[in-house]
Amino acid sequence: MAHQDQYTFQNPVTRYPSISPPKQDQPEPGLDRDLEPKSDRGEKSYRGTGRLAGRKALITGADSGIGAAVAIAFAREGADVALSYLPVEEPDAQKIVELIRDCEQKAVPLPGDISEAKAARDLVAKAVEELGGLDIIVNNAGRQIAVEQLEDLSDEQFEETFKTNVFAMFWITKAALPHLTAGATIINTTSIQAYKPSATLIDYASTKAAINNFSKGLAQQLAPRGIRVNAVAPGPIWTPLQVSDGQPKEKLPKFGKNTPLGRAGQPTELAPAYVFLASAESSYVTGETLNVNGGTPSP
């Protein structure tokens, strides 16, 4: 993979290879450590310029994939970071903690299951205590399990997907608001699935549409308080989510090849969108969804 930083003039079609991932399976939620081929989270390429100096961020799903890339980028831009992840994801999380500390920024690992209301609220309290405040919230953690037929989509899976993707965002945001002041930002991860749902991702796609709507409504409510709320809508991004039942196994070799750019995206390609929305550069941007999807037309 190329290791030029995000400021290097590059052809977006060939910046990363058009991968053909082998069929593989990991138990949910999956680990970056075991992903083949490896994803690029910006470990060797993301270059910071101090755009988030002094900021204090809480990122959910920060151990791997997009969340890990955002955590690395935020730290390299000068932010301290609290990382939320499931306890089974500790091996991935510790690697990201190490990378953040290599930037001489504070990393606060906070394992727990945010699909439980108390754990989600406690997460915010711990982050505030350890970081000395909060001014960036990134609700990124997601659950995605492909199911071919609605008749096979269990009540339990439907509920757990909503609790992880939507309820946790609500609980965390509500708990964080008393600690946020004018200039703070909230960034929620939605998806191309909010606009172009796959037949096998009925529950997941529904949560992503809800996240989009939640973000736009809350943005209007919080604008007078000087708190901005935006969303990022990734397309097909190569992360452990895809191999832990997020995609049907037979579809993995062609993952992302149907985009106009002809390839899946890498997590590090999402990070600049989150940095932009977290920084003062986007001070007149709220209620927006940035689509980072390889060129697929979307609203």
C-alpha atoms as a PDB file:
ATOM      1  CA  MET A   1       0.000   0.000   0.000  1.00  0.00           C
ATOM      2  CA  ALA A   2       1.089   3.572  -0.663  1.00  0.00           C
ATOM      3  CA  HIS A   3       2.285   5.591   2.302  1.00  0.00           C
ATOM      4  CA  GLN A   4       2.213   9.141   0.903  1.00  0.00           C
ATOM      5  CA  ASP A   5       0.432  11.484   3.285  1.00  0.00           C
ATOM      6  CA  GLN A   6      -3.013  12.932   2.586  1.00  0.00           C
ATOM      7  CA  TYR A   7      -1.499  16.116   1.117  1.00  0.00           C
ATOM      8  CA  THR A   8       0.422  14.317  -1.634  1.00  0.00           C
ATOM      9  CA  PHE A   9      -0.942  14.684  -5.180  1.00  0.00           C
ATOM     10  CA  GLN A  10      -2.277  11.208  -6.027  1.00  0.00           C
ATOM     11  CA  ASN A  11      -4.615   9.413  -8.413  1.00  0.00           C
ATOM     12  CA  PRO A  12      -7.610   8.364  -6.250  1.00  0.00           C
ATOM     13  CA  VAL A  13      -8.209   5.307  -8.439  1.00  0.00           C
ATOM     14  CA  THR A  14      -4.778   3.885  -7.697  1.00  0.00           C
ATOM     15  CA  ARG A  15      -3.981   5.456  -4.322  1.00  0.00           C
ATOM     16  CA  TYR A  16      -4.835   2.065  -2.850  1.00  0.00           C
ATOM     17  CA  PRO A  17      -5.106  -1.289  -4.634  1.00  0.00           C
ATOM     18  CA  SER A  18      -8.452  -2.608  -5.811  1.00  0.00           C
ATOM     19  CA  ILE A  19      -8.393  -5.474  -3.332  1.00  0.00           C
ATOM     20  CA  SER A  20      -9.988  -8.886  -3.835  1.00  0.00           C
ATOM     21  CA  PRO A  21     -10.302 -10.096  -0.242  1.00  0.00           C
ATOM     22  CA  PRO A  22     -10.296 -13.876   0.178  1.00  0.00           C
ATOM     23  CA  LYS A  23     -13.351 -15.464   1.732  1.00  0.00           C
ATOM     24  CA  GLN A  24     -12.793 -15.308   5.472  1.00  0.00           C
ATOM     25  CA  ASP A  25     -14.716 -15.291   8.677  1.00  0.00           C
ATOM     26  CA  GLN A  26     -14.189 -13.800  12.103  1.00  0.00           C
ATOM     27  CA  PRO A  27     -16.495 -13.968  15.097  1.00  0.00           C
ATOM     28  CA  GLU A  28     -18.312 -10.701  15.665  1.00  0.00           C
ATOM     29  CA  PRO A  29     -17.086  -7.972  16.152  1.00  0.00           C
ATOM     30  CA  GLY A  30     -13.842  -8.916  14.361  1.00  0.00           C
ATOM     31  CA  LEU A  31     -10.277  -7.672  14.751  1.00  0.00           C
ATOM     32  CA  ASP A  32      -8.103  -5.539  12.473  1.00  0.00           C
ATOM     33  CA  ARG A  33      -5.216  -7.722  13.633  1.00  0.00           C
ATOM     34  CA  ASP A  34      -6.657 -10.735  11.779  1.00  0.00           C
ATOM     35  CA  LEU A  35      -7.976  -8.975   8.663  1.00  0.00           C
ATOM     36  CA  GLU A  36      -6.690 -10.108   5.240  1.00  0.00           C
ATOM     37  CA  PRO A  37      -5.522  -8.051   3.499  1.00  0.00           C
ATOM     38  CA  LYS A  38      -4.657  -5.539   6.200  1.00  0.00           C
ATOM     39  CA  SER A  39      -6.509  -2.235   6.220  1.00  0.00           C
ATOM     40  CA  ASP A  40      -4.752   1.132   6.241  1.00  0.00           C
ATOM     41  CA  ARG A  41      -5.725   3.300   9.195  1.00  0.00           C
ATOM     42  CA  GLY A  42      -3.129   5.981   8.508  1.00  0.00           C
ATOM     43  CA  GLU A  43      -0.496   4.595  10.838  1.00  0.00           C
ATOM     44  CA  LYS A  44       2.269   5.371   8.326  1.00  0.00           C
ATOM     45  CA  SER A  45       0.613   8.048   6.225  1.00  0.00           C
ATOM     46  CA  TYR A  46      -1.609  10.474   8.137  1.00  0.00           C
ATOM     47  CA  ARG A  47       0.191  13.777   8.761  1.00  0.00           C
ATOM     48  CA  GLY A  48      -1.247  16.204  11.280  1.00  0.00           C
ATOM     49  CA  THR A  49      -0.947  19.987  11.220  1.00  0.00           C
ATOM     50  CA  GLY A  50      -2.261  20.960  14.667  1.00  0.00           C
ATOM     51  CA  ARG A  51      -5.866  21.480  13.587  1.00  0.00           C
ATOM     52  CA  LEU A  52      -7.270  19.984  16.828  1.00  0.00           C
ATOM     53  CA  ALA A  53      -4.652  21.191  19.294  1.00  0.00           C
ATOM     54  CA  GLY A  54      -5.932  21.068  22.865  1.00  0.00           C
ATOM     55  CA  ARG A  55      -9.192  19.316  21.990  1.00  0.00           C
ATOM     56  CA  LYS A  56     -10.648  16.404  23.981  1.00  0.00           C
ATOM     57  CA  ALA A  57     -12.425  13.699  21.989  1.00  0.00           C
ATOM     58  CA  LEU A  58     -14.486  10.609  22.769  1.00  0.00           C
ATOM     59  CA  ILE A  59     -14.660   8.104  19.904  1.00  0.00           C
ATOM     60  CA  THR A  60     -16.767   4.941  19.982  1.00  0.00           C
ATOM     61  CA  GLY A  61     -15.609   1.918  18.013  1.00  0.00           C
ATOM     62  CA  ALA A  62     -12.116   3.409  18.215  1.00  0.00           C
ATOM     63  CA  ASP A  63     -10.196   0.147  18.273  1.00  0.00           C
ATOM     64  CA  SER A  64     -10.394  -0.704  14.559  1.00  0.00           C
ATOM     65  CA  GLY A  65     -11.541   0.396  11.132  1.00  0.00           C
ATOM     66  CA  ILE A  66     -12.855   3.924  10.722  1.00  0.00           C
ATOM     67  CA  GLY A  67     -12.856   4.682  14.447  1.00  0.00           C
ATOM     68  CA  ALA A  68      -9.188   3.729  14.749  1.00  0.00           C
ATOM     69  CA  ALA A  69      -8.261   5.869  11.749  1.00  0.00           C
ATOM     70  CA  VAL A  70     -10.121   8.828  13.255  1.00  0.00           C
ATOM     71  CA  ALA A  71      -8.411   8.314  16.623  1.00  0.00           C
ATOM     72  CA  ILE A  72      -4.968   8.298  14.979  1.00  0.00           C
ATOM     73  CA  ALA A  73      -5.775  11.405  12.933  1.00  0.00           C
ATOM     74  CA  PHE A  74      -7.217  13.299  15.904  1.00  0.00           C
ATOM     75  CA  ALA A  75      -4.115  12.552  17.987  1.00  0.00           C
ATOM     76  CA  ARG A  76      -1.806  13.647  15.191  1.00  0.00           C
ATOM     77  CA  GLU A  77      -3.824  16.860  14.948  1.00  0.00           C
ATOM     78  CA  GLY A  78      -3.189  17.514  18.650  1.00  0.00           C
ATOM     79  CA  ALA A  79      -6.246  16.069  20.434  1.00  0.00           C
ATOM     80  CA  ASP A  80      -6.400  13.827  23.481  1.00  0.00           C
ATOM     81  CA  VAL A  81      -8.625  10.809  22.863  1.00  0.00           C
ATOM     82  CA  ALA A  82     -10.850   8.517  24.933  1.00  0.00           C
ATOM     83  CA  LEU A  83     -11.424   5.237  23.107  1.00  0.00           C
ATOM     84  CA  SER A  84     -14.617   3.196  23.494  1.00  0.00           C
ATOM     85  CA  TYR A  85     -14.614  -0.449  22.370  1.00  0.00           C
ATOM     86  CA  LEU A  86     -15.765  -3.921  23.394  1.00  0.00           C
ATOM     87  CA  PRO A  87     -13.517  -5.807  25.846  1.00  0.00           C
ATOM     88  CA  VAL A  88     -12.854  -8.558  23.258  1.00  0.00           C
ATOM     89  CA  GLU A  89     -11.335  -5.886  21.005  1.00  0.00           C
ATOM     90  CA  GLU A  90      -8.530  -5.130  23.486  1.00  0.00           C
ATOM     91  CA  PRO A  91      -5.684  -6.327  21.189  1.00  0.00           C
ATOM     92  CA  ASP A  92      -6.667  -3.820  18.494  1.00  0.00           C
ATOM     93  CA  ALA A  93      -7.379  -1.077  21.033  1.00  0.00           C
ATOM     94  CA  GLN A  94      -3.965  -1.319  22.659  1.00  0.00           C
ATOM     95  CA  LYS A  95      -2.282  -0.786  19.305  1.00  0.00           C
ATOM     96  CA  ILE A  96      -4.248   2.441  18.781  1.00  0.00           C
ATOM     97  CA  VAL A  97      -3.511   3.574  22.342  1.00  0.00           C
ATOM     98  CA  GLU A  98       0.195   3.095  21.599  1.00  0.00           C
ATOM     99  CA  LEU A  99      -0.027   5.121  18.379  1.00  0.00           C
ATOM    100  CA  ILE A 100      -1.822   7.975  20.159  1.00  0.00           C
ATOM    101  CA  ARG A 101       0.755   8.066  22.927  1.00  0.00           C
ATOM    102  CA  ASP A 102       3.521   8.078  20.325  1.00  0.00           C
ATOM    103  CA  CYS A 103       2.077  11.486  19.347  1.00  0.00           C
ATOM    104  CA  GLU A 104       2.554  12.621  22.964  1.00  0.00           C
ATOM    105  CA  GLN A 105      -1.222  12.868  23.321  1.00  0.00           C
ATOM    106  CA  LYS A 106      -3.324  11.343  26.070  1.00  0.00           C
ATOM    107  CA  ALA A 107      -5.080   8.063  25.253  1.00  0.00           C
ATOM    108  CA  VAL A 108      -7.783   6.776  27.592  1.00  0.00           C
ATOM    109  CA  PRO A 109      -8.897   3.179  26.869  1.00  0.00           C
ATOM    110  CA  LEU A 110     -12.495   2.596  28.023  1.00  0.00           C
ATOM    111  CA  PRO A 111     -13.695  -0.942  27.246  1.00  0.00           C
ATOM    112  CA  GLY A 112     -17.401  -1.698  27.697  1.00  0.00           C
ATOM    113  CA  ASP A 113     -20.629  -2.581  25.927  1.00  0.00           C
ATOM    114  CA  ILE A 114     -22.403   0.655  24.986  1.00  0.00           C
ATOM    115  CA  SER A 115     -25.515  -1.224  23.881  1.00  0.00           C
ATOM    116  CA  GLU A 116     -26.359  -1.074  27.591  1.00  0.00           C
ATOM    117  CA  ALA A 117     -27.639   2.306  28.779  1.00  0.00           C
ATOM    118  CA  LYS A 118     -25.657   2.420  32.011  1.00  0.00           C
ATOM    119  CA  ALA A 119     -22.408   1.501  30.266  1.00  0.00           C
ATOM    120  CA  ALA A 120     -22.983   4.214  27.650  1.00  0.00           C
ATOM    121  CA  ARG A 121     -23.611   6.876  30.288  1.00  0.00           C
ATOM    122  CA  ASP A 122     -20.707   5.700  32.453  1.00  0.00           C
ATOM    123  CA  LEU A 123     -18.456   5.912  29.404  1.00  0.00           C
ATOM    124  CA  VAL A 124     -19.091   9.651  29.124  1.00  0.00           C
ATOM    125  CA  ALA A 125     -18.495  10.217  32.822  1.00  0.00           C
ATOM    126  CA  LYS A 126     -15.169   8.342  32.686  1.00  0.00           C
ATOM    127  CA  ALA A 127     -14.061  10.192  29.567  1.00  0.00           C
ATOM    128  CA  VAL A 128     -14.820  13.561  31.152  1.00  0.00           C
ATOM    129  CA  GLU A 129     -12.966  12.602  34.314  1.00  0.00           C
ATOM    130  CA  GLU A 130      -9.877  11.254  32.530  1.00  0.00           C
ATOM    131  CA  LEU A 131      -9.621  13.946  29.861  1.00  0.00           C
ATOM    132  CA  GLY A 132     -10.696  16.855  32.043  1.00  0.00           C
ATOM    133  CA  GLY A 133     -13.654  17.649  29.800  1.00  0.00           C
ATOM    134  CA  LEU A 134     -15.045  16.901  26.342  1.00  0.00           C
ATOM    135  CA  ASP A 135     -15.512  18.943  23.198  1.00  0.00           C
ATOM    136  CA  ILE A 136     -15.677  16.322  20.417  1.00  0.00           C
ATOM    137  CA  ILE A 137     -18.022  13.321  20.375  1.00  0.00           C
ATOM    138  CA  VAL A 138     -17.718  10.775  17.565  1.00  0.00           C
ATOM    139  CA  ASN A 139     -20.517   8.187  17.631  1.00  0.00           C
ATOM    140  CA  ASN A 140     -18.987   5.615  15.318  1.00  0.00           C
ATOM    141  CA  ALA A 141     -19.505   2.143  16.829  1.00  0.00           C
ATOM    142  CA  GLY A 142     -21.705  -0.041  14.677  1.00  0.00           C
ATOM    143  CA  ARG A 143     -23.134  -3.538  14.421  1.00  0.00           C
ATOM    144  CA  GLN A 144     -23.699  -5.047  10.964  1.00  0.00           C
ATOM    145  CA  ILE A 145     -24.712  -8.648  10.293  1.00  0.00           C
ATOM    146  CA  ALA A 146     -25.984  -9.684   6.873  1.00  0.00           C
ATOM    147  CA  VAL A 147     -29.185 -11.773   6.737  1.00  0.00           C
ATOM    148  CA  GLU A 148     -30.525 -13.032   3.398  1.00  0.00           C
ATOM    149  CA  GLN A 149     -34.240 -13.232   4.292  1.00  0.00           C
ATOM    150  CA  LEU A 150     -36.359 -11.087   6.596  1.00  0.00           C
ATOM    151  CA  GLU A 151     -37.878 -14.278   8.010  1.00  0.00           C
ATOM    152  CA  ASP A 152     -34.405 -15.177   9.293  1.00  0.00           C
ATOM    153  CA  LEU A 153     -33.763 -11.780  10.913  1.00  0.00           C
ATOM    154  CA  SER A 154     -34.339 -12.472  14.599  1.00  0.00           C
ATOM    155  CA  ASP A 155     -36.000 -10.098  17.023  1.00  0.00           C
ATOM    156  CA  GLU A 156     -32.812 -10.246  19.080  1.00  0.00           C
ATOM    157  CA  GLN A 157     -30.556  -9.163  16.206  1.00  0.00           C
ATOM    158  CA  PHE A 158     -32.905  -6.367  15.162  1.00  0.00           C
ATOM    159  CA  GLU A 159     -32.988  -5.041  18.717  1.00  0.00           C
ATOM    160  CA  GLU A 160     -29.246  -5.356  19.313  1.00  0.00           C
ATOM    161  CA  THR A 161     -28.427  -3.574  16.056  1.00  0.00           C
ATOM    162  CA  PHE A 162     -30.634  -0.636  17.028  1.00  0.00           C
ATOM    163  CA  LYS A 163     -29.269  -0.567  20.576  1.00  0.00           C
ATOM    164  CA  THR A 164     -25.652  -0.465  19.384  1.00  0.00           C
ATOM    165  CA  ASN A 165     -26.111   1.881  16.435  1.00  0.00           C
ATOM    166  CA  VAL A 166     -28.924   4.217  17.525  1.00  0.00           C
ATOM    167  CA  PHE A 167     -29.712   3.905  21.227  1.00  0.00           C
ATOM    168  CA  ALA A 168     -26.043   4.169  22.254  1.00  0.00           C
ATOM    169  CA  MET A 169     -25.681   7.336  20.161  1.00  0.00           C
ATOM    170  CA  PHE A 170     -28.711   8.802  21.965  1.00  0.00           C
ATOM    171  CA  TRP A 171     -27.495   7.776  25.432  1.00  0.00           C
ATOM    172  CA  ILE A 172     -23.925   9.024  24.869  1.00  0.00           C
ATOM    173  CA  THR A 173     -24.953  12.307  23.266  1.00  0.00           C
ATOM    174  CA  LYS A 174     -27.498  13.057  25.970  1.00  0.00           C
ATOM    175  CA  ALA A 175     -24.974  12.307  28.724  1.00  0.00           C
ATOM    176  CA  ALA A 176     -22.306  14.412  27.013  1.00  0.00           C
ATOM    177  CA  LEU A 177     -24.372  17.538  26.397  1.00  0.00           C
ATOM    178  CA  PRO A 178     -24.025  18.982  29.933  1.00  0.00           C
ATOM    179  CA  HIS A 179     -20.254  18.932  29.389  1.00  0.00           C
ATOM    180  CA  LEU A 180     -20.228  20.507  25.912  1.00  0.00           C
ATOM    181  CA  THR A 181     -19.844  24.251  25.423  1.00  0.00           C
ATOM    182  CA  ALA A 182     -20.043  26.515  22.380  1.00  0.00           C
ATOM    183  CA  GLY A 183     -17.530  25.330  19.805  1.00  0.00           C
ATOM    184  CA  ALA A 184     -17.998  21.641  20.603  1.00  0.00           C
ATOM    185  CA  THR A 185     -18.852  19.208  17.834  1.00  0.00           C
ATOM    186  CA  ILE A 186     -20.752  15.936  17.523  1.00  0.00           C
ATOM    187  CA  ILE A 187     -20.034  13.673  14.540  1.00  0.00           C
ATOM    188  CA  ASN A 188     -22.113  10.566  13.849  1.00  0.00           C
ATOM    189  CA  THR A 189     -21.228   7.770  11.439  1.00  0.00           C
ATOM    190  CA  THR A 190     -24.073   6.977   9.080  1.00  0.00           C
ATOM    191  CA  SER A 191     -23.617   5.131   5.745  1.00  0.00           C
ATOM    192  CA  ILE A 192     -24.403   4.916   2.050  1.00  0.00           C
ATOM    193  CA  GLN A 193     -26.842   2.301   3.356  1.00  0.00           C
ATOM    194  CA  ALA A 194     -29.043   5.155   4.595  1.00  0.00           C
ATOM    195  CA  TYR A 195     -29.721   6.039   0.949  1.00  0.00           C
ATOM    196  CA  LYS A 196     -29.025   2.815  -0.931  1.00  0.00           C
ATOM    197  CA  PRO A 197     -29.889  -0.101   1.385  1.00  0.00           C
ATOM    198  CA  SER A 198     -28.664  -3.593   0.581  1.00  0.00           C
ATOM    199  CA  ALA A 199     -31.226  -6.371   0.567  1.00  0.00           C
ATOM    200  CA  THR A 200     -29.221  -8.281   3.200  1.00  0.00           C
ATOM    201  CA  LEU A 201     -28.810  -5.348   5.634  1.00  0.00           C
ATOM    202  CA  ILE A 202     -32.386  -4.360   6.484  1.00  0.00           C
ATOM    203  CA  ASP A 203     -31.740  -3.710  10.181  1.00  0.00           C
ATOM    204  CA  TYR A 204     -28.349  -2.048   9.701  1.00  0.00           C
ATOM    205  CA  ALA A 205     -29.516   0.193   6.863  1.00  0.00           C
ATOM    206  CA  SER A 206     -32.543   1.254   8.900  1.00  0.00           C
ATOM    207  CA  THR A 207     -30.300   2.350  11.775  1.00  0.00           C
ATOM    208  CA  LYS A 208     -28.127   4.374   9.429  1.00  0.00           C
ATOM    209  CA  ALA A 209     -31.137   6.263   8.091  1.00  0.00           C
ATOM    210  CA  ALA A 210     -32.153   6.942  11.696  1.00  0.00           C
ATOM    211  CA  ILE A 211     -28.669   8.255  12.509  1.00  0.00           C
ATOM    212  CA  ASN A 212     -28.829  10.625   9.559  1.00  0.00           C
ATOM    213  CA  ASN A 213     -32.201  11.983  10.663  1.00  0.00           C
ATOM    214  CA  PHE A 214     -31.135  12.237  14.320  1.00  0.00           C
ATOM    215  CA  SER A 215     -28.048  14.216  13.291  1.00  0.00           C
ATOM    216  CA  LYS A 216     -29.934  16.713  11.149  1.00  0.00           C
ATOM    217  CA  GLY A 217     -32.666  17.270  13.729  1.00  0.00           C
ATOM    218  CA  LEU A 218     -30.259  17.645  16.644  1.00  0.00           C
ATOM    219  CA  ALA A 219     -28.121  20.046  14.605  1.00  0.00           C
ATOM    220  CA  GLN A 220     -31.051  22.457  14.415  1.00  0.00           C
ATOM    221  CA  GLN A 221     -31.742  22.122  18.132  1.00  0.00           C
ATOM    222  CA  LEU A 222     -28.150  22.730  19.222  1.00  0.00           C
ATOM    223  CA  ALA A 223     -27.150  25.409  16.703  1.00  0.00           C
ATOM    224  CA  PRO A 224     -28.230  28.315  18.951  1.00  0.00           C
ATOM    225  CA  ARG A 225     -25.965  26.869  21.662  1.00  0.00           C
ATOM    226  CA  GLY A 226     -22.953  26.920  19.325  1.00  0.00           C
ATOM    227  CA  ILE A 227     -22.684  23.123  19.217  1.00  0.00           C
ATOM    228  CA  ARG A 228     -22.475  21.659  15.725  1.00  0.00           C
ATOM    229  CA  VAL A 229     -23.779  18.208  14.744  1.00  0.00           C
ATOM    230  CA  ASN A 230     -22.799  16.524  11.492  1.00  0.00           C
ATOM    231  CA  ALA A 231     -22.484  13.045  10.011  1.00  0.00           C
ATOM    232  CA  VAL A 232     -20.164  11.119   7.740  1.00  0.00           C
ATOM    233  CA  ALA A 233     -21.604   8.526   5.361  1.00  0.00           C
ATOM    234  CA  PRO A 234     -18.979   5.964   4.338  1.00  0.00           C
ATOM    235  CA  GLY A 235     -19.365   3.710   1.349  1.00  0.00           C
ATOM    236  CA  PRO A 236     -17.677   0.280   1.137  1.00  0.00           C
ATOM    237  CA  ILE A 237     -14.706   0.591   3.513  1.00  0.00           C
ATOM    238  CA  TRP A 238     -12.408  -2.362   4.219  1.00  0.00           C
ATOM    239  CA  THR A 239     -12.760  -3.045   7.960  1.00  0.00           C
ATOM    240  CA  PRO A 240     -13.328  -6.053  10.244  1.00  0.00           C
ATOM    241  CA  LEU A 241     -17.051  -5.264  10.107  1.00  0.00           C
ATOM    242  CA  GLN A 242     -17.142  -6.823   6.635  1.00  0.00           C
ATOM    243  CA  VAL A 243     -15.659 -10.206   7.587  1.00  0.00           C
ATOM    244  CA  SER A 244     -17.527 -10.704  10.875  1.00  0.00           C
ATOM    245  CA  ASP A 245     -20.768 -11.482   8.999  1.00  0.00           C
ATOM    246  CA  GLY A 246     -21.196  -7.906   7.759  1.00  0.00           C
ATOM    247  CA  GLN A 247     -21.137  -9.171   4.172  1.00  0.00           C
ATOM    248  CA  PRO A 248     -22.150 -12.518   2.636  1.00  0.00           C
ATOM    249  CA  LYS A 249     -18.849 -14.437   2.308  1.00  0.00           C
ATOM    250  CA  GLU A 250     -19.203 -14.997  -1.435  1.00  0.00           C
ATOM    251  CA  LYS A 251     -19.345 -11.224  -1.999  1.00  0.00           C
ATOM    252  CA  LEU A 252     -16.056 -10.400  -0.262  1.00  0.00           C
ATOM    253  CA  PRO A 253     -13.771 -10.833  -3.345  1.00  0.00           C
ATOM    254  CA  LYS A 254     -15.759  -8.144  -5.204  1.00  0.00           C
ATOM    255  CA  PHE A 255     -16.218  -5.822  -2.222  1.00  0.00           C
ATOM    256  CA  GLY A 256     -16.200  -2.165  -3.325  1.00  0.00           C
ATOM    257  CA  LYS A 257     -15.471  -2.849  -6.992  1.00  0.00           C
ATOM    258  CA  ASN A 258     -18.873  -1.480  -8.096  1.00  0.00           C
ATOM    259  CA  THR A 259     -18.013   2.096  -7.060  1.00  0.00           C
ATOM    260  CA  PRO A 260     -17.044   4.659  -9.715  1.00  0.00           C
ATOM    261  CA  LEU A 261     -13.471   4.600  -8.350  1.00  0.00           C
ATOM    262  CA  GLY A 262     -13.498   0.823  -8.761  1.00  0.00           C
ATOM    263  CA  ARG A 263     -12.231  -0.152  -5.333  1.00  0.00           C
ATOM    264  CA  ALA A 264     -13.081  -0.328  -1.659  1.00  0.00           C
ATOM    265  CA  GLY A 265     -11.993   2.578   0.506  1.00  0.00           C
ATOM    266  CA  GLN A 266      -9.449   2.360   3.304  1.00  0.00           C
ATOM    267  CA  PRO A 267     -10.268   3.651   6.818  1.00  0.00           C
ATOM    268  CA  THR A 268      -7.614   6.372   6.612  1.00  0.00           C
ATOM    269  CA  GLU A 269      -9.491   7.909   3.666  1.00  0.00           C
ATOM    270  CA  LEU A 270     -12.365   8.721   6.049  1.00  0.00           C
ATOM    271  CA  ALA A 271     -10.240  10.427   8.698  1.00  0.00           C
ATOM    272  CA  PRO A 272      -9.907  13.856   6.990  1.00  0.00           C
ATOM    273  CA  ALA A 273     -13.693  14.182   6.819  1.00  0.00           C
ATOM    274  CA  TYR A 274     -13.964  13.755  10.597  1.00  0.00           C
ATOM    275  CA  VAL A 275     -11.045  16.119  11.194  1.00  0.00           C
ATOM    276  CA  PHE A 276     -12.704  18.760   9.028  1.00  0.00           C
ATOM    277  CA  LEU A 277     -16.031  18.451  10.866  1.00  0.00           C
ATOM    278  CA  ALA A 278     -14.299  18.511  14.267  1.00  0.00           C
ATOM    279  CA  SER A 279     -12.172  21.566  13.476  1.00  0.00           C
ATOM    280  CA  ALA A 280     -13.081  25.244  13.375  1.00  0.00           C
ATOM    281  CA  GLU A 281     -12.569  25.122   9.605  1.00  0.00           C
ATOM    282  CA  SER A 282     -16.156  23.825   9.381  1.00  0.00           C
ATOM    283  CA  SER A 283     -17.618  26.480  11.677  1.00  0.00           C
ATOM    284  CA  TYR A 284     -20.473  27.209   9.240  1.00  0.00           C
ATOM    285  CA  VAL A 285     -21.257  23.534   8.635  1.00  0.00           C
ATOM    286  CA  THR A 286     -23.932  21.859  10.729  1.00  0.00           C
ATOM    287  CA  GLY A 287     -26.664  19.366   9.912  1.00  0.00           C
ATOM    288  CA  GLU A 288     -24.521  18.129   7.021  1.00  0.00           C
ATOM    289  CA  THR A 289     -23.719  14.598   5.876  1.00  0.00           C
ATOM    290  CA  LEU A 290     -20.373  14.159   4.120  1.00  0.00           C
ATOM    291  CA  ASN A 291     -20.501  11.221   1.723  1.00  0.00           C
ATOM    292  CA  VAL A 292     -17.163   9.412   1.446  1.00  0.00           C
ATOM    293  CA  ASN A 293     -18.137   6.541  -0.794  1.00  0.00           C
ATOM    294  CA  GLY A 294     -15.959   6.311  -3.886  1.00  0.00           C
ATOM    295  CA  GLY A 295     -18.311   8.304  -6.056  1.00  0.00           C
ATOM    296  CA  THR A 296     -21.680   6.602  -5.629  1.00  0.00           C
ATOM    297  CA  PRO A 297     -24.382   9.262  -6.236  1.00  0.00           C
ATOM    298  CA  SER A 298     -26.187  10.122  -2.995  1.00  0.00           C
ATOM    299  CA  PRO A 299     -28.207  13.049  -1.614  1.00  0.00           C
END
